[in-house]
Amino acid sequence: MNISKANNPTILVIFAFLMLILGLFIGKTIWSTNMEDRISNIVSCAGYDEDFLQEMDFSDRDDCQNLNISLHKQYIDDCLSNISNEIDEKYKSNFVQRCVYHKFEIDSVFLSAEYTKFIK
């Protein structure tokens, strides 16, 4: 196949653009997070061993779940207080979901770090 030098930059630009699109698609597919599933996983304390929960001063898994359910209610109230009433319900619901997810992610960083120390 004989490709002239004038076409090489064009082919490379097209190839780079296609690779960018492919990378964005694969990245979105692999690293997309369902916020509702993630929040329910955090609230249920499903990712932690019973021994770790007892070391963190929880009597059992239900104690951890009750704390997280209370936090969830508090986060919803906090997020709703920051939203104006003039926006559409669809956007309000989406904003609250993202806000609660963000607050849980911030709090779960500490617990995840402690769990990593516990495992090692």
PDB file of N, CA and C in Angstrom:
ATOM      1  N   MET A   1       0.846  -1.160   0.000  1.00  0.00           N
ATOM      2  CA  MET A   1       0.000   0.000   0.000  1.00  0.00           C
ATOM      3  C   MET A   1       0.894   1.226   0.000  1.00  0.00           C
ATOM      4  N   ASN A   2       0.717   2.081  -0.967  1.00  0.00           N
ATOM      5  CA  ASN A   2       1.543   3.266  -1.132  1.00  0.00           C
ATOM      6  C   ASN A   2       0.747   4.490  -0.689  1.00  0.00           C
ATOM      7  N   ILE A   3       1.157   5.052   0.442  1.00  0.00           N
ATOM      8  CA  ILE A   3       0.482   6.239   0.952  1.00  0.00           C
ATOM      9  C   ILE A   3       1.432   7.410   0.781  1.00  0.00           C
ATOM     10  N   SER A   4       0.936   8.444   0.151  1.00  0.00           N
ATOM     11  CA  SER A   4       1.799   9.610  -0.072  1.00  0.00           C
ATOM     12  C   SER A   4       2.021  10.358   1.228  1.00  0.00           C
ATOM     13  N   LYS A   5       3.065  11.152   1.272  1.00  0.00           N
ATOM     14  CA  LYS A   5       3.404  11.897   2.480  1.00  0.00           C
ATOM     15  C   LYS A   5       2.346  12.937   2.810  1.00  0.00           C
ATOM     16  N   ALA A   6       1.632  13.426   1.854  1.00  0.00           N
ATOM     17  CA  ALA A   6       0.608  14.442   2.091  1.00  0.00           C
ATOM     18  C   ALA A   6      -0.577  13.866   2.866  1.00  0.00           C
ATOM     19  N   ASN A   7      -0.863  12.577   2.696  1.00  0.00           N
ATOM     20  CA  ASN A   7      -2.005  11.962   3.372  1.00  0.00           C
ATOM     21  C   ASN A   7      -1.678  11.474   4.785  1.00  0.00           C
ATOM     22  N   ASN A   8      -0.402  11.307   5.112  1.00  0.00           N
ATOM     23  CA  ASN A   8      -0.033  10.795   6.431  1.00  0.00           C
ATOM     24  C   ASN A   8      -0.578  11.638   7.583  1.00  0.00           C
ATOM     25  N   PRO A   9      -0.410  12.952   7.578  1.00  0.00           N
ATOM     26  CA  PRO A   9      -0.959  13.730   8.698  1.00  0.00           C
ATOM     27  C   PRO A   9      -2.481  13.612   8.794  1.00  0.00           C
ATOM     28  N   THR A  10      -3.159  13.554   7.681  1.00  0.00           N
ATOM     29  CA  THR A  10      -4.614  13.435   7.697  1.00  0.00           C
ATOM     30  C   THR A  10      -5.032  12.103   8.306  1.00  0.00           C
ATOM     31  N   ILE A  11      -4.372  11.048   7.917  1.00  0.00           N
ATOM     32  CA  ILE A  11      -4.686   9.726   8.446  1.00  0.00           C
ATOM     33  C   ILE A  11      -4.397   9.676   9.942  1.00  0.00           C
ATOM     34  N   LEU A  12      -3.299  10.273  10.363  1.00  0.00           N
ATOM     35  CA  LEU A  12      -2.958  10.279  11.782  1.00  0.00           C
ATOM     36  C   LEU A  12      -3.969  11.078  12.608  1.00  0.00           C
ATOM     37  N   VAL A  13      -4.434  12.197  12.079  1.00  0.00           N
ATOM     38  CA  VAL A  13      -5.431  13.004  12.783  1.00  0.00           C
ATOM     39  C   VAL A  13      -6.740  12.230  12.902  1.00  0.00           C
ATOM     40  N   ILE A  14      -7.153  11.589  11.831  1.00  0.00           N
ATOM     41  CA  ILE A  14      -8.381  10.790  11.857  1.00  0.00           C
ATOM     42  C   ILE A  14      -8.235   9.628  12.836  1.00  0.00           C
ATOM     43  N   PHE A  15      -7.090   8.955  12.795  1.00  0.00           N
ATOM     44  CA  PHE A  15      -6.837   7.842  13.708  1.00  0.00           C
ATOM     45  C   PHE A  15      -6.843   8.317  15.166  1.00  0.00           C
ATOM     46  N   ALA A  16      -6.204   9.447  15.435  1.00  0.00           N
ATOM     47  CA  ALA A  16      -6.170   9.990  16.798  1.00  0.00           C
ATOM     48  C   ALA A  16      -7.575  10.359  17.271  1.00  0.00           C
ATOM     49  N   PHE A  17      -8.364  10.948  16.393  1.00  0.00           N
ATOM     50  CA  PHE A  17      -9.732  11.315  16.748  1.00  0.00           C
ATOM     51  C   PHE A  17     -10.564  10.073  17.055  1.00  0.00           C
ATOM     52  N   LEU A  18     -10.447   9.047  16.237  1.00  0.00           N
ATOM     53  CA  LEU A  18     -11.180   7.803  16.479  1.00  0.00           C
ATOM     54  C   LEU A  18     -10.749   7.147  17.791  1.00  0.00           C
ATOM     55  N   MET A  19      -9.456   7.181  18.084  1.00  0.00           N
ATOM     56  CA  MET A  19      -8.964   6.607  19.331  1.00  0.00           C
ATOM     57  C   MET A  19      -9.473   7.401  20.539  1.00  0.00           C
ATOM     58  N   LEU A  20      -9.581   8.722  20.401  1.00  0.00           N
ATOM     59  CA  LEU A  20     -10.122   9.554  21.470  1.00  0.00           C
ATOM     60  C   LEU A  20     -11.577   9.189  21.745  1.00  0.00           C
ATOM     61  N   ILE A  21     -12.367   9.088  20.696  1.00  0.00           N
ATOM     62  CA  ILE A  21     -13.779   8.724  20.841  1.00  0.00           C
ATOM     63  C   ILE A  21     -13.907   7.338  21.465  1.00  0.00           C
ATOM     64  N   LEU A  22     -13.104   6.391  20.998  1.00  0.00           N
ATOM     65  CA  LEU A  22     -13.133   5.037  21.552  1.00  0.00           C
ATOM     66  C   LEU A  22     -12.744   5.054  23.030  1.00  0.00           C
ATOM     67  N   GLY A  23     -11.721   5.811  23.385  1.00  0.00           N
ATOM     68  CA  GLY A  23     -11.291   5.913  24.784  1.00  0.00           C
ATOM     69  C   GLY A  23     -12.355   6.517  25.675  1.00  0.00           C
ATOM     70  N   LEU A  24     -13.023   7.558  25.193  1.00  0.00           N
ATOM     71  CA  LEU A  24     -14.093   8.176  25.976  1.00  0.00           C
ATOM     72  C   LEU A  24     -15.253   7.207  26.185  1.00  0.00           C
ATOM     73  N   PHE A  25     -15.604   6.471  25.139  1.00  0.00           N
ATOM     74  CA  PHE A  25     -16.700   5.509  25.239  1.00  0.00           C
ATOM     75  C   PHE A  25     -16.358   4.387  26.214  1.00  0.00           C
ATOM     76  N   ILE A  26     -15.167   3.819  26.069  1.00  0.00           N
ATOM     77  CA  ILE A  26     -14.757   2.724  26.955  1.00  0.00           C
ATOM     78  C   ILE A  26     -14.632   3.226  28.394  1.00  0.00           C
ATOM     79  N   GLY A  27     -14.064   4.416  28.576  1.00  0.00           N
ATOM     80  CA  GLY A  27     -13.928   4.974  29.915  1.00  0.00           C
ATOM     81  C   GLY A  27     -15.265   5.198  30.579  1.00  0.00           C
ATOM     82  N   LYS A  28     -16.219   5.717  29.841  1.00  0.00           N
ATOM     83  CA  LYS A  28     -17.551   5.957  30.411  1.00  0.00           C
ATOM     84  C   LYS A  28     -18.231   4.635  30.752  1.00  0.00           C
ATOM     85  N   THR A  29     -18.046   3.637  29.910  1.00  0.00           N
ATOM     86  CA  THR A  29     -18.664   2.337  30.139  1.00  0.00           C
ATOM     87  C   THR A  29     -18.057   1.636  31.353  1.00  0.00           C
ATOM     88  N   ILE A  30     -16.746   1.670  31.459  1.00  0.00           N
ATOM     89  CA  ILE A  30     -16.071   0.945  32.536  1.00  0.00           C
ATOM     90  C   ILE A  30     -16.231   1.648  33.878  1.00  0.00           C
ATOM     91  N   TRP A  31     -16.041   2.965  33.888  1.00  0.00           N
ATOM     92  CA  TRP A  31     -15.991   3.678  35.162  1.00  0.00           C
ATOM     93  C   TRP A  31     -17.284   4.391  35.524  1.00  0.00           C
ATOM     94  N   SER A  32     -18.366   4.102  34.836  1.00  0.00           N
ATOM     95  CA  SER A  32     -19.624   4.747  35.213  1.00  0.00           C
ATOM     96  C   SER A  32     -20.117   4.144  36.529  1.00  0.00           C
ATOM     97  N   THR A  33     -20.701   4.975  37.366  1.00  0.00           N
ATOM     98  CA  THR A  33     -21.157   4.553  38.680  1.00  0.00           C
ATOM     99  C   THR A  33     -22.646   4.821  38.802  1.00  0.00           C
ATOM    100  N   ASN A  34     -23.374   3.807  39.199  1.00  0.00           N
ATOM    101  CA  ASN A  34     -24.787   3.997  39.490  1.00  0.00           C
ATOM    102  C   ASN A  34     -24.876   4.522  40.922  1.00  0.00           C
ATOM    103  N   MET A  35     -25.284   5.779  41.067  1.00  0.00           N
ATOM    104  CA  MET A  35     -25.270   6.424  42.376  1.00  0.00           C
ATOM    105  C   MET A  35     -26.184   5.725  43.372  1.00  0.00           C
ATOM    106  N   GLU A  36     -27.351   5.276  42.933  1.00  0.00           N
ATOM    107  CA  GLU A  36     -28.286   4.616  43.849  1.00  0.00           C
ATOM    108  C   GLU A  36     -27.712   3.301  44.372  1.00  0.00           C
ATOM    109  N   ASP A  37     -27.070   2.530  43.491  1.00  0.00           N
ATOM    110  CA  ASP A  37     -26.458   1.275  43.926  1.00  0.00           C
ATOM    111  C   ASP A  37     -25.317   1.530  44.900  1.00  0.00           C
ATOM    112  N   ARG A  38     -24.521   2.547  44.606  1.00  0.00           N
ATOM    113  CA  ARG A  38     -23.380   2.872  45.471  1.00  0.00           C
ATOM    114  C   ARG A  38     -23.859   3.328  46.850  1.00  0.00           C
ATOM    115  N   ILE A  39     -24.879   4.174  46.893  1.00  0.00           N
ATOM    116  CA  ILE A  39     -25.400   4.639  48.180  1.00  0.00           C
ATOM    117  C   ILE A  39     -25.997   3.475  48.964  1.00  0.00           C
ATOM    118  N   SER A  40     -26.751   2.609  48.294  1.00  0.00           N
ATOM    119  CA  SER A  40     -27.349   1.472  49.005  1.00  0.00           C
ATOM    120  C   SER A  40     -26.274   0.521  49.516  1.00  0.00           C
ATOM    121  N   ASN A  41     -25.177   0.393  48.785  1.00  0.00           N
ATOM    122  CA  ASN A  41     -24.072  -0.449  49.233  1.00  0.00           C
ATOM    123  C   ASN A  41     -23.405   0.151  50.469  1.00  0.00           C
ATOM    124  N   ILE A  42     -23.221   1.470  50.473  1.00  0.00           N
ATOM    125  CA  ILE A  42     -22.619   2.128  51.635  1.00  0.00           C
ATOM    126  C   ILE A  42     -23.551   2.031  52.835  1.00  0.00           C
ATOM    127  N   VAL A  43     -24.833   2.302  52.625  1.00  0.00           N
ATOM    128  CA  VAL A  43     -25.794   2.283  53.733  1.00  0.00           C
ATOM    129  C   VAL A  43     -25.906   0.889  54.339  1.00  0.00           C
ATOM    130  N   SER A  44     -25.821  -0.147  53.514  1.00  0.00           N
ATOM    131  CA  SER A  44     -25.978  -1.510  54.022  1.00  0.00           C
ATOM    132  C   SER A  44     -24.736  -2.029  54.736  1.00  0.00           C
ATOM    133  N   CYS A  45     -23.611  -1.321  54.638  1.00  0.00           N
ATOM    134  CA  CYS A  45     -22.338  -1.752  55.246  1.00  0.00           C
ATOM    135  C   CYS A  45     -21.931  -3.123  54.714  1.00  0.00           C
ATOM    136  N   ALA A  46     -22.315  -3.433  53.497  1.00  0.00           N
ATOM    137  CA  ALA A  46     -22.083  -4.766  52.938  1.00  0.00           C
ATOM    138  C   ALA A  46     -20.618  -5.053  52.652  1.00  0.00           C
ATOM    139  N   GLY A  47     -19.820  -4.029  52.447  1.00  0.00           N
ATOM    140  CA  GLY A  47     -18.433  -4.260  52.060  1.00  0.00           C
ATOM    141  C   GLY A  47     -17.481  -4.486  53.209  1.00  0.00           C
ATOM    142  N   TYR A  48     -17.987  -4.549  54.440  1.00  0.00           N
ATOM    143  CA  TYR A  48     -17.106  -4.629  55.597  1.00  0.00           C
ATOM    144  C   TYR A  48     -17.352  -5.903  56.394  1.00  0.00           C
ATOM    145  N   ASP A  49     -16.272  -6.468  56.940  1.00  0.00           N
ATOM    146  CA  ASP A  49     -16.355  -7.661  57.780  1.00  0.00           C
ATOM    147  C   ASP A  49     -16.942  -7.305  59.140  1.00  0.00           C
ATOM    148  N   GLU A  50     -17.519  -8.306  59.790  1.00  0.00           N
ATOM    149  CA  GLU A  50     -18.077  -8.103  61.132  1.00  0.00           C
ATOM    150  C   GLU A  50     -16.994  -7.681  62.127  1.00  0.00           C
ATOM    151  N   ASP A  51     -15.801  -8.267  62.007  1.00  0.00           N
ATOM    152  CA  ASP A  51     -14.709  -7.916  62.924  1.00  0.00           C
ATOM    153  C   ASP A  51     -14.329  -6.449  62.792  1.00  0.00           C
ATOM    154  N   PHE A  52     -14.287  -5.972  61.562  1.00  0.00           N
ATOM    155  CA  PHE A  52     -13.953  -4.564  61.335  1.00  0.00           C
ATOM    156  C   PHE A  52     -15.029  -3.656  61.912  1.00  0.00           C
ATOM    157  N   LEU A  53     -16.283  -4.005  61.708  1.00  0.00           N
ATOM    158  CA  LEU A  53     -17.371  -3.182  62.240  1.00  0.00           C
ATOM    159  C   LEU A  53     -17.320  -3.125  63.764  1.00  0.00           C
ATOM    160  N   GLN A  54     -16.965  -4.243  64.403  1.00  0.00           N
ATOM    161  CA  GLN A  54     -16.847  -4.237  65.857  1.00  0.00           C
ATOM    162  C   GLN A  54     -15.656  -3.400  66.307  1.00  0.00           C
ATOM    163  N   GLU A  55     -14.576  -3.417  65.539  1.00  0.00           N
ATOM    164  CA  GLU A  55     -13.426  -2.572  65.867  1.00  0.00           C
ATOM    165  C   GLU A  55     -13.773  -1.091  65.734  1.00  0.00           C
ATOM    166  N   MET A  56     -14.687  -0.763  64.827  1.00  0.00           N
ATOM    167  CA  MET A  56     -15.119   0.628  64.652  1.00  0.00           C
ATOM    168  C   MET A  56     -16.248   0.989  65.625  1.00  0.00           C
ATOM    169  N   ASP A  57     -16.443   0.172  66.656  1.00  0.00           N
ATOM    170  CA  ASP A  57     -17.413   0.399  67.737  1.00  0.00           C
ATOM    171  C   ASP A  57     -18.871   0.227  67.325  1.00  0.00           C
ATOM    172  N   PHE A  58     -19.131  -0.570  66.307  1.00  0.00           N
ATOM    173  CA  PHE A  58     -20.503  -0.952  65.984  1.00  0.00           C
ATOM    174  C   PHE A  58     -20.765  -2.298  66.642  1.00  0.00           C
ATOM    175  N   SER A  59     -21.919  -2.455  67.260  1.00  0.00           N
ATOM    176  CA  SER A  59     -22.216  -3.734  67.908  1.00  0.00           C
ATOM    177  C   SER A  59     -22.464  -4.833  66.879  1.00  0.00           C
ATOM    178  N   ASP A  60     -23.090  -4.469  65.774  1.00  0.00           N
ATOM    179  CA  ASP A  60     -23.314  -5.419  64.683  1.00  0.00           C
ATOM    180  C   ASP A  60     -23.585  -4.633  63.396  1.00  0.00           C
ATOM    181  N   ARG A  61     -23.883  -5.359  62.334  1.00  0.00           N
ATOM    182  CA  ARG A  61     -24.118  -4.718  61.038  1.00  0.00           C
ATOM    183  C   ARG A  61     -25.361  -3.821  61.065  1.00  0.00           C
ATOM    184  N   ASP A  62     -26.367  -4.206  61.840  1.00  0.00           N
ATOM    185  CA  ASP A  62     -27.582  -3.387  61.942  1.00  0.00           C
ATOM    186  C   ASP A  62     -27.291  -2.024  62.556  1.00  0.00           C
ATOM    187  N   ASP A  63     -26.374  -1.988  63.506  1.00  0.00           N
ATOM    188  CA  ASP A  63     -25.979  -0.720  64.123  1.00  0.00           C
ATOM    189  C   ASP A  63     -25.351   0.207  63.082  1.00  0.00           C
ATOM    190  N   CYS A  64     -24.506  -0.352  62.237  1.00  0.00           N
ATOM    191  CA  CYS A  64     -23.887   0.422  61.147  1.00  0.00           C
ATOM    192  C   CYS A  64     -24.949   0.900  60.159  1.00  0.00           C
ATOM    193  N   GLN A  65     -25.883   0.026  59.825  1.00  0.00           N
ATOM    194  CA  GLN A  65     -26.944   0.394  58.890  1.00  0.00           C
ATOM    195  C   GLN A  65     -27.827   1.498  59.453  1.00  0.00           C
ATOM    196  N   ASN A  66     -28.155   1.415  60.735  1.00  0.00           N
ATOM    197  CA  ASN A  66     -28.993   2.449  61.350  1.00  0.00           C
ATOM    198  C   ASN A  66     -28.307   3.805  61.331  1.00  0.00           C
ATOM    199  N   LEU A  67     -27.006   3.822  61.601  1.00  0.00           N
ATOM    200  CA  LEU A  67     -26.263   5.077  61.534  1.00  0.00           C
ATOM    201  C   LEU A  67     -26.285   5.636  60.117  1.00  0.00           C
ATOM    202  N   ASN A  68     -26.062   4.780  59.130  1.00  0.00           N
ATOM    203  CA  ASN A  68     -26.037   5.242  57.741  1.00  0.00           C
ATOM    204  C   ASN A  68     -27.411   5.683  57.251  1.00  0.00           C
ATOM    205  N   ILE A  69     -28.463   5.041  57.728  1.00  0.00           N
ATOM    206  CA  ILE A  69     -29.819   5.480  57.363  1.00  0.00           C
ATOM    207  C   ILE A  69     -30.090   6.863  57.945  1.00  0.00           C
ATOM    208  N   SER A  70     -29.656   7.077  59.181  1.00  0.00           N
ATOM    209  CA  SER A  70     -29.805   8.407  59.789  1.00  0.00           C
ATOM    210  C   SER A  70     -29.002   9.448  59.028  1.00  0.00           C
ATOM    211  N   LEU A  71     -27.778   9.078  58.633  1.00  0.00           N
ATOM    212  CA  LEU A  71     -26.959   9.994  57.833  1.00  0.00           C
ATOM    213  C   LEU A  71     -27.631  10.302  56.503  1.00  0.00           C
ATOM    214  N   HIS A  72     -28.239   9.289  55.892  1.00  0.00           N
ATOM    215  CA  HIS A  72     -28.911   9.483  54.608  1.00  0.00           C
ATOM    216  C   HIS A  72     -30.038  10.502  54.746  1.00  0.00           C
ATOM    217  N   LYS A  73     -30.833  10.364  55.797  1.00  0.00           N
ATOM    218  CA  LYS A  73     -31.922  11.326  56.028  1.00  0.00           C
ATOM    219  C   LYS A  73     -31.380  12.728  56.277  1.00  0.00           C
ATOM    220  N   GLN A  74     -30.294  12.812  57.048  1.00  0.00           N
ATOM    221  CA  GLN A  74     -29.686  14.111  57.329  1.00  0.00           C
ATOM    222  C   GLN A  74     -29.133  14.737  56.050  1.00  0.00           C
ATOM    223  N   TYR A  75     -28.494  13.924  55.212  1.00  0.00           N
ATOM    224  CA  TYR A  75     -27.933  14.438  53.958  1.00  0.00           C
ATOM    225  C   TYR A  75     -29.032  14.943  53.036  1.00  0.00           C
ATOM    226  N   ILE A  76     -30.146  14.233  52.991  1.00  0.00           N
ATOM    227  CA  ILE A  76     -31.261  14.688  52.155  1.00  0.00           C
ATOM    228  C   ILE A  76     -31.756  16.041  52.644  1.00  0.00           C
ATOM    229  N   ASP A  77     -31.918  16.181  53.951  1.00  0.00           N
ATOM    230  CA  ASP A  77     -32.362  17.467  54.506  1.00  0.00           C
ATOM    231  C   ASP A  77     -31.354  18.575  54.219  1.00  0.00           C
ATOM    232  N   ASP A  78     -30.060  18.267  54.388  1.00  0.00           N
ATOM    233  CA  ASP A  78     -29.021  19.267  54.106  1.00  0.00           C
ATOM    234  C   ASP A  78     -29.041  19.691  52.645  1.00  0.00           C
ATOM    235  N   CYS A  79     -29.182  18.721  51.767  1.00  0.00           N
ATOM    236  CA  CYS A  79     -29.176  19.029  50.331  1.00  0.00           C
ATOM    237  C   CYS A  79     -30.426  19.809  49.928  1.00  0.00           C
ATOM    238  N   LEU A  80     -31.570  19.436  50.493  1.00  0.00           N
ATOM    239  CA  LEU A  80     -32.809  20.152  50.163  1.00  0.00           C
ATOM    240  C   LEU A  80     -32.778  21.594  50.653  1.00  0.00           C
ATOM    241  N   SER A  81     -32.082  21.836  51.756  1.00  0.00           N
ATOM    242  CA  SER A  81     -32.022  23.205  52.276  1.00  0.00           C
ATOM    243  C   SER A  81     -31.193  24.118  51.376  1.00  0.00           C
ATOM    244  N   ASN A  82     -30.336  23.539  50.551  1.00  0.00           N
ATOM    245  CA  ASN A  82     -29.490  24.332  49.658  1.00  0.00           C
ATOM    246  C   ASN A  82     -30.101  24.551  48.279  1.00  0.00           C
ATOM    247  N   ILE A  83     -31.303  24.038  48.050  1.00  0.00           N
ATOM    248  CA  ILE A  83     -31.928  24.129  46.729  1.00  0.00           C
ATOM    249  C   ILE A  83     -33.049  25.157  46.778  1.00  0.00           C
ATOM    250  N   SER A  84     -33.105  25.973  45.761  1.00  0.00           N
ATOM    251  CA  SER A  84     -34.226  26.919  45.694  1.00  0.00           C
ATOM    252  C   SER A  84     -35.476  26.172  45.241  1.00  0.00           C
ATOM    253  N   ASN A  85     -36.619  26.677  45.618  1.00  0.00           N
ATOM    254  CA  ASN A  85     -37.884  26.013  45.295  1.00  0.00           C
ATOM    255  C   ASN A  85     -38.356  26.302  43.879  1.00  0.00           C
ATOM    256  N   GLU A  86     -37.660  27.160  43.161  1.00  0.00           N
ATOM    257  CA  GLU A  86     -38.119  27.543  41.830  1.00  0.00           C
ATOM    258  C   GLU A  86     -37.728  26.557  40.732  1.00  0.00           C
ATOM    259  N   ILE A  87     -36.867  25.594  41.040  1.00  0.00           N
ATOM    260  CA  ILE A  87     -36.436  24.685  39.977  1.00  0.00           C
ATOM    261  C   ILE A  87     -37.430  23.537  39.829  1.00  0.00           C
ATOM    262  N   ASP A  88     -37.362  22.899  38.683  1.00  0.00           N
ATOM    263  CA  ASP A  88     -38.245  21.792  38.332  1.00  0.00           C
ATOM    264  C   ASP A  88     -37.985  20.594  39.256  1.00  0.00           C
ATOM    265  N   GLU A  89     -39.007  19.794  39.526  1.00  0.00           N
ATOM    266  CA  GLU A  89     -38.882  18.630  40.409  1.00  0.00           C
ATOM    267  C   GLU A  89     -37.861  17.622  39.883  1.00  0.00           C
ATOM    268  N   LYS A  90     -37.805  17.462  38.577  1.00  0.00           N
ATOM    269  CA  LYS A  90     -36.859  16.519  37.979  1.00  0.00           C
ATOM    270  C   LYS A  90     -35.434  16.937  38.302  1.00  0.00           C
ATOM    271  N   TYR A  91     -35.133  18.215  38.134  1.00  0.00           N
ATOM    272  CA  TYR A  91     -33.794  18.711  38.420  1.00  0.00           C
ATOM    273  C   TYR A  91     -33.516  18.692  39.920  1.00  0.00           C
ATOM    274  N   LYS A  92     -34.530  18.979  40.701  1.00  0.00           N
ATOM    275  CA  LYS A  92     -34.383  18.972  42.154  1.00  0.00           C
ATOM    276  C   LYS A  92     -34.036  17.566  42.637  1.00  0.00           C
ATOM    277  N   SER A  93     -34.744  16.566  42.129  1.00  0.00           N
ATOM    278  CA  SER A  93     -34.486  15.182  42.499  1.00  0.00           C
ATOM    279  C   SER A  93     -33.083  14.755  42.085  1.00  0.00           C
ATOM    280  N   ASN A  94     -32.691  15.117  40.877  1.00  0.00           N
ATOM    281  CA  ASN A  94     -31.364  14.778  40.379  1.00  0.00           C
ATOM    282  C   ASN A  94     -30.283  15.450  41.223  1.00  0.00           C
ATOM    283  N   PHE A  95     -30.500  16.713  41.572  1.00  0.00           N
ATOM    284  CA  PHE A  95     -29.531  17.438  42.381  1.00  0.00           C
ATOM    285  C   PHE A  95     -29.395  16.812  43.763  1.00  0.00           C
ATOM    286  N   VAL A  96     -30.507  16.465  44.383  1.00  0.00           N
ATOM    287  CA  VAL A  96     -30.467  15.853  45.716  1.00  0.00           C
ATOM    288  C   VAL A  96     -29.739  14.521  45.667  1.00  0.00           C
ATOM    289  N   GLN A  97     -30.013  13.720  44.637  1.00  0.00           N
ATOM    290  CA  GLN A  97     -29.354  12.426  44.510  1.00  0.00           C
ATOM    291  C   GLN A  97     -27.843  12.599  44.384  1.00  0.00           C
ATOM    292  N   ARG A  98     -27.415  13.533  43.552  1.00  0.00           N
ATOM    293  CA  ARG A  98     -25.979  13.770  43.385  1.00  0.00           C
ATOM    294  C   ARG A  98     -25.349  14.341  44.649  1.00  0.00           C
ATOM    295  N   CYS A  99     -26.065  15.210  45.322  1.00  0.00           N
ATOM    296  CA  CYS A  99     -25.569  15.814  46.557  1.00  0.00           C
ATOM    297  C   CYS A  99     -25.391  14.753  47.645  1.00  0.00           C
ATOM    298  N   VAL A 100     -26.384  13.899  47.825  1.00  0.00           N
ATOM    299  CA  VAL A 100     -26.305  12.834  48.830  1.00  0.00           C
ATOM    300  C   VAL A 100     -25.177  11.873  48.483  1.00  0.00           C
ATOM    301  N   TYR A 101     -25.057  11.518  47.206  1.00  0.00           N
ATOM    302  CA  TYR A 101     -23.973  10.638  46.765  1.00  0.00           C
ATOM    303  C   TYR A 101     -22.623  11.261  47.097  1.00  0.00           C
ATOM    304  N   HIS A 102     -22.473  12.541  46.824  1.00  0.00           N
ATOM    305  CA  HIS A 102     -21.215  13.237  47.085  1.00  0.00           C
ATOM    306  C   HIS A 102     -20.894  13.231  48.581  1.00  0.00           C
ATOM    307  N   LYS A 103     -21.875  13.499  49.416  1.00  0.00           N
ATOM    308  CA  LYS A 103     -21.644  13.515  50.863  1.00  0.00           C
ATOM    309  C   LYS A 103     -21.275  12.120  51.376  1.00  0.00           C
ATOM    310  N   PHE A 104     -21.919  11.078  50.856  1.00  0.00           N
ATOM    311  CA  PHE A 104     -21.560   9.718  51.263  1.00  0.00           C
ATOM    312  C   PHE A 104     -20.157   9.355  50.797  1.00  0.00           C
ATOM    313  N   GLU A 105     -19.789   9.772  49.601  1.00  0.00           N
ATOM    314  CA  GLU A 105     -18.446   9.477  49.106  1.00  0.00           C
ATOM    315  C   GLU A 105     -17.388  10.149  49.971  1.00  0.00           C
ATOM    316  N   ILE A 106     -17.642  11.368  50.397  1.00  0.00           N
ATOM    317  CA  ILE A 106     -16.687  12.063  51.262  1.00  0.00           C
ATOM    318  C   ILE A 106     -16.529  11.314  52.581  1.00  0.00           C
ATOM    319  N   ASP A 107     -17.636  10.919  53.184  1.00  0.00           N
ATOM    320  CA  ASP A 107     -17.572  10.215  54.464  1.00  0.00           C
ATOM    321  C   ASP A 107     -17.014   8.804  54.334  1.00  0.00           C
ATOM    322  N   SER A 108     -17.233   8.160  53.210  1.00  0.00           N
ATOM    323  CA  SER A 108     -16.768   6.783  53.068  1.00  0.00           C
ATOM    324  C   SER A 108     -15.268   6.701  52.824  1.00  0.00           C
ATOM    325  N   VAL A 109     -14.632   7.812  52.477  1.00  0.00           N
ATOM    326  CA  VAL A 109     -13.181   7.800  52.273  1.00  0.00           C
ATOM    327  C   VAL A 109     -12.481   7.419  53.578  1.00  0.00           C
ATOM    328  N   PHE A 110     -12.906   8.008  54.683  1.00  0.00           N
ATOM    329  CA  PHE A 110     -12.301   7.686  55.979  1.00  0.00           C
ATOM    330  C   PHE A 110     -12.503   6.217  56.324  1.00  0.00           C
ATOM    331  N   LEU A 111     -13.725   5.735  56.174  1.00  0.00           N
ATOM    332  CA  LEU A 111     -14.022   4.348  56.523  1.00  0.00           C
ATOM    333  C   LEU A 111     -13.262   3.380  55.622  1.00  0.00           C
ATOM    334  N   SER A 112     -13.140   3.706  54.349  1.00  0.00           N
ATOM    335  CA  SER A 112     -12.384   2.853  53.424  1.00  0.00           C
ATOM    336  C   SER A 112     -10.908   2.816  53.799  1.00  0.00           C
ATOM    337  N   ALA A 113     -10.364   3.964  54.208  1.00  0.00           N
ATOM    338  CA  ALA A 113      -8.961   4.007  54.622  1.00  0.00           C
ATOM    339  C   ALA A 113      -8.744   3.163  55.877  1.00  0.00           C
ATOM    340  N   GLU A 114      -9.659   3.256  56.814  1.00  0.00           N
ATOM    341  CA  GLU A 114      -9.552   2.451  58.034  1.00  0.00           C
ATOM    342  C   GLU A 114      -9.692   0.963  57.724  1.00  0.00           C
ATOM    343  N   TYR A 115     -10.568   0.621  56.784  1.00  0.00           N
ATOM    344  CA  TYR A 115     -10.748  -0.786  56.412  1.00  0.00           C
ATOM    345  C   TYR A 115      -9.489  -1.323  55.739  1.00  0.00           C
ATOM    346  N   THR A 116      -8.852  -0.496  54.920  1.00  0.00           N
ATOM    347  CA  THR A 116      -7.603  -0.914  54.278  1.00  0.00           C
ATOM    348  C   THR A 116      -6.531  -1.173  55.331  1.00  0.00           C
ATOM    349  N   LYS A 117      -6.432  -0.313  56.333  1.00  0.00           N
ATOM    350  CA  LYS A 117      -5.474  -0.536  57.427  1.00  0.00           C
ATOM    351  C   LYS A 117      -5.812  -1.820  58.178  1.00  0.00           C
ATOM    352  N   PHE A 118      -7.094  -2.067  58.394  1.00  0.00           N
ATOM    353  CA  PHE A 118      -7.528  -3.248  59.133  1.00  0.00           C
ATOM    354  C   PHE A 118      -7.167  -4.530  58.389  1.00  0.00           C
ATOM    355  N   ILE A 119      -7.330  -4.524  57.083  1.00  0.00           N
ATOM    356  CA  ILE A 119      -7.033  -5.720  56.286  1.00  0.00           C
ATOM    357  C   ILE A 119      -5.543  -6.029  56.313  1.00  0.00           C
ATOM    358  N   LYS A 120      -4.727  -4.985  56.216  1.00  0.00           N
ATOM    359  CA  LYS A 120      -3.270  -5.191  56.192  1.00  0.00           C
ATOM    360  C   LYS A 120      -2.801  -5.483  57.584  1.00  0.00           C
TER     361      LYS A 120
END
